[in-house]
Amino acid sequence: MKTDDFSVKKQFSRAANTYNDSAALQLRICVELLEMFRVQRAPETILELGSGTGLLTRLLRQAFPFALIHALDISEKMLEVARSELNDDRNIEWLCCDARYFTSLSRYDLIVSASAIHWMSPLAELFGNLQKLLAKGGVFLFSLMTSGTLAELRTVRERVAPDKMPVGKIPSFQTVCDALVAKGLDIASCRQVSYKEYYRNAQAFVDSLRNLGVNSGEFSRSVKPLSKNEVVDIIELYQQMYIEKDGTVGASFEVGYFEAYLKTKAPNK
């Protein structure tokens, strides 16, 4: 398999029309993320990172009906899906770009992202850019996958093809904390939550990852690509090792939730 086949942009573009069908956990994370945001004054300007098909965008619009939203994603096809459902909203601007390099004359009351920032490495570079975009008293609210996510799949892959492990690792919770502080952001609140999702069988689990476009980037690519036989072996071994009493198979997700500010006194809640 070519390296380009693991491109995050390419895989998410391929998944644009299937993402929502497999995104029950992602939607739950969006809802729980917004429950953290309890400032007294509603934000007038919002920057959303990794907006994808608009799961979080729709919730933001419901919560803040008068806010101007700039929704960023690297996949134009993902944005097309989001536009199709929110195309009458003139206060949403859809921008196809990389959040690490995004610049704007605007300063945002709220910068927000759900289940996307772990793709935007290095985190220090991203956070350094974002702190320049926060308005005075602005809030940076986000969730991301952290180390331990899909631990079962990593275990199985290591058994089947120990010399073909992914070249990258999902950041740890502490790594995220350290990167925020290093770039001039105070952490007002944070927590790590463990989720367990269940699938009809191991093949359905792998299909779900493909539908979400998460079989991409440094978290999937190895120096030596997996063969078709190794992929089959991974699915079969996953089924054997992680089958539940009801015949389903489980997968673990570790999610970090963060609320941060510039290094000033946090707004009153």
Foldseek 3Di string as FASTA:
>chain_A
DDQCVQALQVLLLVLLVLQVVLCPVQLVQLVVLVVVDDFPDQWQEEEEEQCFQNSNVVVSCVVPVRHQYEYEHQHPNRVVNNCVVVVVDPSYHYYRDQLLPDDDPAATQEYEYEAPCLQRPPPLSNLLVNQVRHDALHKYKYKYFAFPFQVLLQVLLCVLPVQFAFQDTRHHPVSNVVSNVVNQKAWPDKDKDKDKDKDQALVRVVVSCSSNSVCHDSNNGGPDDDDPVSVVSSRVVQRVPAQDPVRIGMTMTMMMITMIDGPDDHHDD
